[in-house]
Amino acid sequence: MSSTATRPVSRPLNFWVCLGVPAIAAIILVLLELTSLDMNLANLFYDPVAGDFIGRHSYFLENILHNKAKDVVIAFSVFAVIVFICSFFAERLKPYKRELGCLVLSLGLATSFVTPVKVVTSVQCPWSLEQFGGHETYSELLSPRPHTDKPGRCWPGGHAATGFTLFALFFVLRDRRPRLARMAFVFAFTLGTVFSIGRMMQGAHFFSHNVWTAVFCWLICLGSYYYVLYRPAGKIDRATKAKPASA
């Protein structure tokens, strides 16, 4: 049986929610640039006596929550690629080829966009700023960057993307296993949030950096799902009517 024949009809997708919520979040994030919220939250994790962030040299935050956790997600991504390749040959996996392809595409795009955008934006990390014992000058996201010999590489958040990229699981599962998809969404959101807070405690990112990352990862996973998997009932009905009758 072909994979197309066994694909389920997609559950209705509320674009007002799926696109509206991240759009509102983006507007709020732009407006937050007019406030000191990022600085205020960063100050909660900064120890002026020690002259450093409280989690900067934490073994757990750096070696476990940052390095090891990232390795686990990378291993999962590699496993997804292997299973996707196997779906071209293994009969039991062929019905899930498109889902696996969508998963691999989402994971790849939601992580690979980070480094190029970091290079273009050159946003400094909190730990590099004068306010937190560094030597660099703070600038808002949409403002020109002050001259420096060491451009920043801190927007968006790479480690946050490692967690939020798992929004892909929600979209891949939503048509076949809705309940499991909801659990995957909660897991991805929680993991991305934990990763984000961990890096904020280390002084690697401001709050807004991580929320922007969640917005980007959501939109990338949504776009991949829409173009690869989304099959609304009305679209299928129209395609069926348009298909010429066999002789």
C-alpha atoms as a PDB file:
ATOM      1  CA  MET A   1       0.000   0.000   0.000  1.00  0.00           C
ATOM      2  CA  SER A   2       1.408   3.419  -0.859  1.00  0.00           C
ATOM      3  CA  SER A   3       2.237   5.914   1.833  1.00  0.00           C
ATOM      4  CA  THR A   4      -0.158   8.413   0.267  1.00  0.00           C
ATOM      5  CA  ALA A   5      -3.078   6.017   0.589  1.00  0.00           C
ATOM      6  CA  THR A   6      -2.506   5.458   4.297  1.00  0.00           C
ATOM      7  CA  ARG A   7      -2.021   9.104   5.247  1.00  0.00           C
ATOM      8  CA  PRO A   8      -4.856  10.410   7.404  1.00  0.00           C
ATOM      9  CA  VAL A   9      -6.915  13.471   6.600  1.00  0.00           C
ATOM     10  CA  SER A  10      -5.491  16.397   8.566  1.00  0.00           C
ATOM     11  CA  ARG A  11      -7.320  17.760  11.565  1.00  0.00           C
ATOM     12  CA  PRO A  12      -8.524  21.369  11.095  1.00  0.00           C
ATOM     13  CA  LEU A  13      -5.726  23.872  11.521  1.00  0.00           C
ATOM     14  CA  ASN A  14      -6.666  27.180  13.142  1.00  0.00           C
ATOM     15  CA  PHE A  15      -4.347  29.629  11.393  1.00  0.00           C
ATOM     16  CA  TRP A  16      -5.610  32.512  13.548  1.00  0.00           C
ATOM     17  CA  VAL A  17      -4.080  30.731  16.519  1.00  0.00           C
ATOM     18  CA  CYS A  18      -1.066  29.129  14.834  1.00  0.00           C
ATOM     19  CA  LEU A  19       0.022  32.390  13.197  1.00  0.00           C
ATOM     20  CA  GLY A  20      -1.717  34.935  15.396  1.00  0.00           C
ATOM     21  CA  VAL A  21      -0.121  33.928  18.695  1.00  0.00           C
ATOM     22  CA  PRO A  22       3.484  34.106  17.402  1.00  0.00           C
ATOM     23  CA  ALA A  23       2.668  37.366  15.591  1.00  0.00           C
ATOM     24  CA  ILE A  24       1.365  38.900  18.827  1.00  0.00           C
ATOM     25  CA  ALA A  25       4.409  37.547  20.671  1.00  0.00           C
ATOM     26  CA  ALA A  26       6.705  39.175  18.096  1.00  0.00           C
ATOM     27  CA  ILE A  27       4.945  42.535  18.462  1.00  0.00           C
ATOM     28  CA  ILE A  28       5.234  42.337  22.243  1.00  0.00           C
ATOM     29  CA  LEU A  29       8.929  41.466  21.957  1.00  0.00           C
ATOM     30  CA  VAL A  30       9.554  44.512  19.769  1.00  0.00           C
ATOM     31  CA  LEU A  31       7.742  46.723  22.280  1.00  0.00           C
ATOM     32  CA  LEU A  32       9.746  45.190  25.141  1.00  0.00           C
ATOM     33  CA  GLU A  33      12.836  46.712  23.545  1.00  0.00           C
ATOM     34  CA  LEU A  34      11.499  50.020  24.899  1.00  0.00           C
ATOM     35  CA  THR A  35      11.633  48.655  28.447  1.00  0.00           C
ATOM     36  CA  SER A  36      14.375  47.354  30.742  1.00  0.00           C
ATOM     37  CA  LEU A  37      12.769  43.929  31.222  1.00  0.00           C
ATOM     38  CA  ASP A  38      15.694  42.001  29.712  1.00  0.00           C
ATOM     39  CA  MET A  39      18.177  43.806  31.929  1.00  0.00           C
ATOM     40  CA  ASN A  40      16.016  43.417  35.018  1.00  0.00           C
ATOM     41  CA  LEU A  41      15.675  39.672  34.512  1.00  0.00           C
ATOM     42  CA  ALA A  42      19.391  39.293  33.779  1.00  0.00           C
ATOM     43  CA  ASN A  43      20.162  41.126  37.017  1.00  0.00           C
ATOM     44  CA  LEU A  44      18.276  38.430  38.932  1.00  0.00           C
ATOM     45  CA  PHE A  45      20.967  35.955  37.889  1.00  0.00           C
ATOM     46  CA  TYR A  46      23.959  38.261  38.296  1.00  0.00           C
ATOM     47  CA  ASP A  47      26.049  38.366  41.468  1.00  0.00           C
ATOM     48  CA  PRO A  48      27.726  41.791  41.680  1.00  0.00           C
ATOM     49  CA  VAL A  49      29.962  40.634  44.526  1.00  0.00           C
ATOM     50  CA  ALA A  50      31.397  37.756  42.505  1.00  0.00           C
ATOM     51  CA  GLY A  51      31.228  39.847  39.344  1.00  0.00           C
ATOM     52  CA  ASP A  52      29.649  37.011  37.367  1.00  0.00           C
ATOM     53  CA  PHE A  53      26.407  35.191  36.670  1.00  0.00           C
ATOM     54  CA  ILE A  54      25.403  32.645  39.289  1.00  0.00           C
ATOM     55  CA  GLY A  55      25.333  29.798  36.787  1.00  0.00           C
ATOM     56  CA  ARG A  56      28.372  30.773  34.700  1.00  0.00           C
ATOM     57  CA  HIS A  57      30.580  28.015  36.100  1.00  0.00           C
ATOM     58  CA  SER A  58      27.886  25.540  37.147  1.00  0.00           C
ATOM     59  CA  TYR A  59      28.812  21.965  36.251  1.00  0.00           C
ATOM     60  CA  PHE A  60      25.153  20.956  35.980  1.00  0.00           C
ATOM     61  CA  LEU A  61      24.110  23.883  33.791  1.00  0.00           C
ATOM     62  CA  GLU A  62      27.103  23.670  31.469  1.00  0.00           C
ATOM     63  CA  ASN A  63      27.954  19.970  31.268  1.00  0.00           C
ATOM     64  CA  ILE A  64      24.570  18.351  31.835  1.00  0.00           C
ATOM     65  CA  LEU A  65      21.826  20.792  30.843  1.00  0.00           C
ATOM     66  CA  HIS A  66      23.835  22.365  28.028  1.00  0.00           C
ATOM     67  CA  ASN A  67      26.301  19.875  26.561  1.00  0.00           C
ATOM     68  CA  LYS A  68      24.792  16.477  27.410  1.00  0.00           C
ATOM     69  CA  ALA A  69      21.189  17.512  26.788  1.00  0.00           C
ATOM     70  CA  LYS A  70      22.182  18.975  23.434  1.00  0.00           C
ATOM     71  CA  ASP A  71      23.945  15.733  22.560  1.00  0.00           C
ATOM     72  CA  VAL A  72      20.753  13.792  23.302  1.00  0.00           C
ATOM     73  CA  VAL A  73      18.683  15.968  20.963  1.00  0.00           C
ATOM     74  CA  ILE A  74      21.374  15.707  18.278  1.00  0.00           C
ATOM     75  CA  ALA A  75      21.357  11.923  18.674  1.00  0.00           C
ATOM     76  CA  PHE A  76      17.568  11.943  18.304  1.00  0.00           C
ATOM     77  CA  SER A  77      17.885  13.996  15.120  1.00  0.00           C
ATOM     78  CA  VAL A  78      20.454  11.593  13.686  1.00  0.00           C
ATOM     79  CA  PHE A  79      18.167   8.692  14.580  1.00  0.00           C
ATOM     80  CA  ALA A  80      15.270  10.450  12.793  1.00  0.00           C
ATOM     81  CA  VAL A  81      17.413  10.817   9.657  1.00  0.00           C
ATOM     82  CA  ILE A  82      18.347   7.122   9.747  1.00  0.00           C
ATOM     83  CA  VAL A  83      14.720   6.026  10.198  1.00  0.00           C
ATOM     84  CA  PHE A  84      13.648   8.339   7.373  1.00  0.00           C
ATOM     85  CA  ILE A  85      16.209   6.758   5.040  1.00  0.00           C
ATOM     86  CA  CYS A  86      15.030   3.300   6.108  1.00  0.00           C
ATOM     87  CA  SER A  87      11.446   4.280   5.248  1.00  0.00           C
ATOM     88  CA  PHE A  88      12.369   4.109   1.551  1.00  0.00           C
ATOM     89  CA  PHE A  89      13.144   0.392   1.918  1.00  0.00           C
ATOM     90  CA  ALA A  90      11.331  -1.015   4.961  1.00  0.00           C
ATOM     91  CA  GLU A  91       7.694  -1.872   4.212  1.00  0.00           C
ATOM     92  CA  ARG A  92       6.580  -1.195   7.779  1.00  0.00           C
ATOM     93  CA  LEU A  93       7.989   2.340   7.621  1.00  0.00           C
ATOM     94  CA  LYS A  94       6.840   3.309   4.127  1.00  0.00           C
ATOM     95  CA  PRO A  95       3.373   4.516   5.272  1.00  0.00           C
ATOM     96  CA  TYR A  96       5.174   7.029   7.538  1.00  0.00           C
ATOM     97  CA  LYS A  97       7.689   8.289   4.987  1.00  0.00           C
ATOM     98  CA  ARG A  98       6.183  11.756   4.658  1.00  0.00           C
ATOM     99  CA  GLU A  99       5.858  12.188   8.419  1.00  0.00           C
ATOM    100  CA  LEU A 100       9.465  11.169   8.901  1.00  0.00           C
ATOM    101  CA  GLY A 101      10.560  13.462   6.099  1.00  0.00           C
ATOM    102  CA  CYS A 102       8.656  16.339   7.663  1.00  0.00           C
ATOM    103  CA  LEU A 103      10.280  15.597  11.020  1.00  0.00           C
ATOM    104  CA  VAL A 104      13.778  15.617   9.534  1.00  0.00           C
ATOM    105  CA  LEU A 105      13.064  18.791   7.561  1.00  0.00           C
ATOM    106  CA  SER A 106      11.690  20.589  10.616  1.00  0.00           C
ATOM    107  CA  LEU A 107      14.559  19.542  12.877  1.00  0.00           C
ATOM    108  CA  GLY A 108      17.097  20.561  10.270  1.00  0.00           C
ATOM    109  CA  LEU A 109      15.610  23.974   9.490  1.00  0.00           C
ATOM    110  CA  ALA A 110      14.782  24.877  13.091  1.00  0.00           C
ATOM    111  CA  THR A 111      18.391  24.384  14.176  1.00  0.00           C
ATOM    112  CA  SER A 112      20.382  25.399  11.104  1.00  0.00           C
ATOM    113  CA  PHE A 113      18.846  28.889  10.859  1.00  0.00           C
ATOM    114  CA  VAL A 114      20.366  29.935  14.190  1.00  0.00           C
ATOM    115  CA  THR A 115      24.054  30.372  13.329  1.00  0.00           C
ATOM    116  CA  PRO A 116      23.571  32.435  10.129  1.00  0.00           C
ATOM    117  CA  VAL A 117      21.135  34.753  11.918  1.00  0.00           C
ATOM    118  CA  LYS A 118      23.572  35.135  14.834  1.00  0.00           C
ATOM    119  CA  VAL A 119      26.254  36.257  12.393  1.00  0.00           C
ATOM    120  CA  VAL A 120      23.964  38.763  10.682  1.00  0.00           C
ATOM    121  CA  THR A 121      22.529  40.309  13.863  1.00  0.00           C
ATOM    122  CA  SER A 122      25.771  40.383  15.955  1.00  0.00           C
ATOM    123  CA  VAL A 123      23.840  40.748  19.228  1.00  0.00           C
ATOM    124  CA  GLN A 124      26.025  40.608  22.327  1.00  0.00           C
ATOM    125  CA  CYS A 125      25.524  38.105  25.146  1.00  0.00           C
ATOM    126  CA  PRO A 126      24.759  39.488  28.612  1.00  0.00           C
ATOM    127  CA  TRP A 127      28.062  38.165  29.978  1.00  0.00           C
ATOM    128  CA  SER A 128      29.946  40.307  27.441  1.00  0.00           C
ATOM    129  CA  LEU A 129      28.304  43.594  28.458  1.00  0.00           C
ATOM    130  CA  GLU A 130      29.767  46.292  30.677  1.00  0.00           C
ATOM    131  CA  GLN A 131      26.770  46.036  33.011  1.00  0.00           C
ATOM    132  CA  PHE A 132      27.767  42.468  33.824  1.00  0.00           C
ATOM    133  CA  GLY A 133      31.537  42.693  34.037  1.00  0.00           C
ATOM    134  CA  GLY A 134      32.285  42.542  30.314  1.00  0.00           C
ATOM    135  CA  HIS A 135      33.628  45.123  27.897  1.00  0.00           C
ATOM    136  CA  GLU A 136      30.902  45.416  25.253  1.00  0.00           C
ATOM    137  CA  THR A 137      28.198  48.069  24.914  1.00  0.00           C
ATOM    138  CA  TYR A 138      24.550  47.051  25.031  1.00  0.00           C
ATOM    139  CA  SER A 139      22.341  47.851  22.044  1.00  0.00           C
ATOM    140  CA  GLU A 140      18.694  47.103  21.348  1.00  0.00           C
ATOM    141  CA  LEU A 141      17.883  44.453  18.778  1.00  0.00           C
ATOM    142  CA  LEU A 142      16.779  46.915  16.091  1.00  0.00           C
ATOM    143  CA  SER A 143      19.491  49.483  16.842  1.00  0.00           C
ATOM    144  CA  PRO A 144      22.895  49.810  15.096  1.00  0.00           C
ATOM    145  CA  ARG A 145      25.649  47.807  16.748  1.00  0.00           C
ATOM    146  CA  PRO A 146      28.455  49.748  18.471  1.00  0.00           C
ATOM    147  CA  HIS A 147      31.890  49.168  16.949  1.00  0.00           C
ATOM    148  CA  THR A 148      33.707  46.181  18.450  1.00  0.00           C
ATOM    149  CA  ASP A 149      36.464  43.766  17.572  1.00  0.00           C
ATOM    150  CA  LYS A 150      34.306  40.890  18.827  1.00  0.00           C
ATOM    151  CA  PRO A 151      30.801  40.919  17.300  1.00  0.00           C
ATOM    152  CA  GLY A 152      28.175  39.159  19.389  1.00  0.00           C
ATOM    153  CA  ARG A 153      26.722  35.786  18.478  1.00  0.00           C
ATOM    154  CA  CYS A 154      23.775  35.600  20.869  1.00  0.00           C
ATOM    155  CA  TRP A 155      20.524  36.198  18.954  1.00  0.00           C
ATOM    156  CA  PRO A 156      18.599  33.978  18.581  1.00  0.00           C
ATOM    157  CA  GLY A 157      19.353  31.387  21.260  1.00  0.00           C
ATOM    158  CA  GLY A 158      21.013  28.248  19.962  1.00  0.00           C
ATOM    159  CA  HIS A 159      20.380  26.082  23.003  1.00  0.00           C
ATOM    160  CA  ALA A 160      16.771  27.231  23.251  1.00  0.00           C
ATOM    161  CA  ALA A 161      16.343  26.156  19.631  1.00  0.00           C
ATOM    162  CA  THR A 162      17.604  22.704  20.580  1.00  0.00           C
ATOM    163  CA  GLY A 163      14.520  22.330  22.769  1.00  0.00           C
ATOM    164  CA  PHE A 164      11.943  24.282  20.790  1.00  0.00           C
ATOM    165  CA  THR A 165      12.826  22.461  17.563  1.00  0.00           C
ATOM    166  CA  LEU A 166      10.917  19.514  19.024  1.00  0.00           C
ATOM    167  CA  PHE A 167       7.709  21.388  18.200  1.00  0.00           C
ATOM    168  CA  ALA A 168       8.206  19.297  15.066  1.00  0.00           C
ATOM    169  CA  LEU A 169       6.965  16.256  16.983  1.00  0.00           C
ATOM    170  CA  PHE A 170       3.666  17.981  17.702  1.00  0.00           C
ATOM    171  CA  PHE A 171       2.966  18.614  14.024  1.00  0.00           C
ATOM    172  CA  VAL A 172       4.145  15.202  12.866  1.00  0.00           C
ATOM    173  CA  LEU A 173       1.875  13.454  15.366  1.00  0.00           C
ATOM    174  CA  ARG A 174      -1.183  15.744  15.293  1.00  0.00           C
ATOM    175  CA  ASP A 175      -3.094  13.904  12.526  1.00  0.00           C
ATOM    176  CA  ARG A 176      -2.406  10.314  13.580  1.00  0.00           C
ATOM    177  CA  ARG A 177      -2.005  10.608  17.371  1.00  0.00           C
ATOM    178  CA  PRO A 178      -3.614  13.865  18.628  1.00  0.00           C
ATOM    179  CA  ARG A 179      -3.228  13.071  22.322  1.00  0.00           C
ATOM    180  CA  LEU A 180       0.410  12.134  21.916  1.00  0.00           C
ATOM    181  CA  ALA A 181       0.907  15.281  19.825  1.00  0.00           C
ATOM    182  CA  ARG A 182      -0.337  17.438  22.698  1.00  0.00           C
ATOM    183  CA  MET A 183       2.081  15.692  25.036  1.00  0.00           C
ATOM    184  CA  ALA A 184       4.880  16.331  22.541  1.00  0.00           C
ATOM    185  CA  PHE A 185       3.977  20.037  22.460  1.00  0.00           C
ATOM    186  CA  VAL A 186       4.123  20.285  26.247  1.00  0.00           C
ATOM    187  CA  PHE A 187       7.426  18.402  26.273  1.00  0.00           C
ATOM    188  CA  ALA A 188       9.008  20.631  23.594  1.00  0.00           C
ATOM    189  CA  PHE A 189       7.784  23.828  25.242  1.00  0.00           C
ATOM    190  CA  THR A 190       8.985  22.686  28.658  1.00  0.00           C
ATOM    191  CA  LEU A 191      12.358  21.522  27.395  1.00  0.00           C
ATOM    192  CA  GLY A 192      12.939  24.742  25.453  1.00  0.00           C
ATOM    193  CA  THR A 193      11.936  26.784  28.504  1.00  0.00           C
ATOM    194  CA  VAL A 194      14.266  24.848  30.817  1.00  0.00           C
ATOM    195  CA  PHE A 195      17.139  25.222  28.354  1.00  0.00           C
ATOM    196  CA  SER A 196      16.348  28.943  28.064  1.00  0.00           C
ATOM    197  CA  ILE A 197      16.339  29.551  31.821  1.00  0.00           C
ATOM    198  CA  GLY A 198      19.559  27.591  32.209  1.00  0.00           C
ATOM    199  CA  ARG A 199      21.333  29.774  29.670  1.00  0.00           C
ATOM    200  CA  MET A 200      19.893  32.932  31.228  1.00  0.00           C
ATOM    201  CA  MET A 201      21.349  31.849  34.569  1.00  0.00           C
ATOM    202  CA  GLN A 202      24.722  31.510  32.858  1.00  0.00           C
ATOM    203  CA  GLY A 203      24.481  34.952  31.254  1.00  0.00           C
ATOM    204  CA  ALA A 204      24.430  33.560  27.723  1.00  0.00           C
ATOM    205  CA  HIS A 205      21.088  35.052  26.677  1.00  0.00           C
ATOM    206  CA  PHE A 206      18.460  37.585  27.565  1.00  0.00           C
ATOM    207  CA  PHE A 207      14.849  36.540  28.072  1.00  0.00           C
ATOM    208  CA  SER A 208      13.753  38.016  24.746  1.00  0.00           C
ATOM    209  CA  HIS A 209      16.411  36.063  22.836  1.00  0.00           C
ATOM    210  CA  ASN A 210      14.814  32.798  23.864  1.00  0.00           C
ATOM    211  CA  VAL A 211      11.226  33.874  23.219  1.00  0.00           C
ATOM    212  CA  TRP A 212      12.206  34.988  19.714  1.00  0.00           C
ATOM    213  CA  THR A 213      13.764  31.558  19.229  1.00  0.00           C
ATOM    214  CA  ALA A 214      10.537  29.825  20.257  1.00  0.00           C
ATOM    215  CA  VAL A 215       8.596  31.954  17.753  1.00  0.00           C
ATOM    216  CA  PHE A 216      10.990  31.114  14.918  1.00  0.00           C
ATOM    217  CA  CYS A 217      11.043  27.384  15.706  1.00  0.00           C
ATOM    218  CA  TRP A 218       7.242  27.250  15.881  1.00  0.00           C
ATOM    219  CA  LEU A 219       6.834  28.994  12.526  1.00  0.00           C
ATOM    220  CA  ILE A 220       9.441  26.778  10.860  1.00  0.00           C
ATOM    221  CA  CYS A 221       7.799  23.592  12.132  1.00  0.00           C
ATOM    222  CA  LEU A 222       4.350  24.901  11.199  1.00  0.00           C
ATOM    223  CA  GLY A 223       5.525  25.763   7.687  1.00  0.00           C
ATOM    224  CA  SER A 224       7.138  22.365   7.200  1.00  0.00           C
ATOM    225  CA  TYR A 225       3.945  20.638   8.336  1.00  0.00           C
ATOM    226  CA  TYR A 226       1.730  22.785   6.119  1.00  0.00           C
ATOM    227  CA  TYR A 227       3.698  22.162   2.929  1.00  0.00           C
ATOM    228  CA  VAL A 228       4.583  18.507   3.542  1.00  0.00           C
ATOM    229  CA  LEU A 229       1.741  16.922   5.515  1.00  0.00           C
ATOM    230  CA  TYR A 230      -1.319  19.135   5.703  1.00  0.00           C
ATOM    231  CA  ARG A 231      -4.264  17.467   3.893  1.00  0.00           C
ATOM    232  CA  PRO A 232      -7.560  19.167   4.850  1.00  0.00           C
ATOM    233  CA  ALA A 233     -10.734  17.282   3.940  1.00  0.00           C
ATOM    234  CA  GLY A 234     -12.004  19.992   1.579  1.00  0.00           C
ATOM    235  CA  LYS A 235      -8.800  19.929  -0.434  1.00  0.00           C
ATOM    236  CA  ILE A 236      -8.954  16.148  -0.783  1.00  0.00           C
ATOM    237  CA  ASP A 237     -12.603  16.283  -1.870  1.00  0.00           C
ATOM    238  CA  ARG A 238     -11.818  18.834  -4.574  1.00  0.00           C
ATOM    239  CA  ALA A 239      -8.884  16.754  -5.795  1.00  0.00           C
ATOM    240  CA  THR A 240     -11.082  13.667  -5.967  1.00  0.00           C
ATOM    241  CA  LYS A 241     -13.773  15.451  -7.997  1.00  0.00           C
ATOM    242  CA  ALA A 242     -11.195  16.882 -10.372  1.00  0.00           C
ATOM    243  CA  LYS A 243      -9.676  13.458 -11.048  1.00  0.00           C
ATOM    244  CA  PRO A 244     -11.004  12.025 -14.355  1.00  0.00           C
ATOM    245  CA  ALA A 245     -12.991   8.818 -14.121  1.00  0.00           C
ATOM    246  CA  SER A 246     -11.118   5.708 -15.220  1.00  0.00           C
ATOM    247  CA  ALA A 247     -12.229   4.049 -18.460  1.00  0.00           C
END
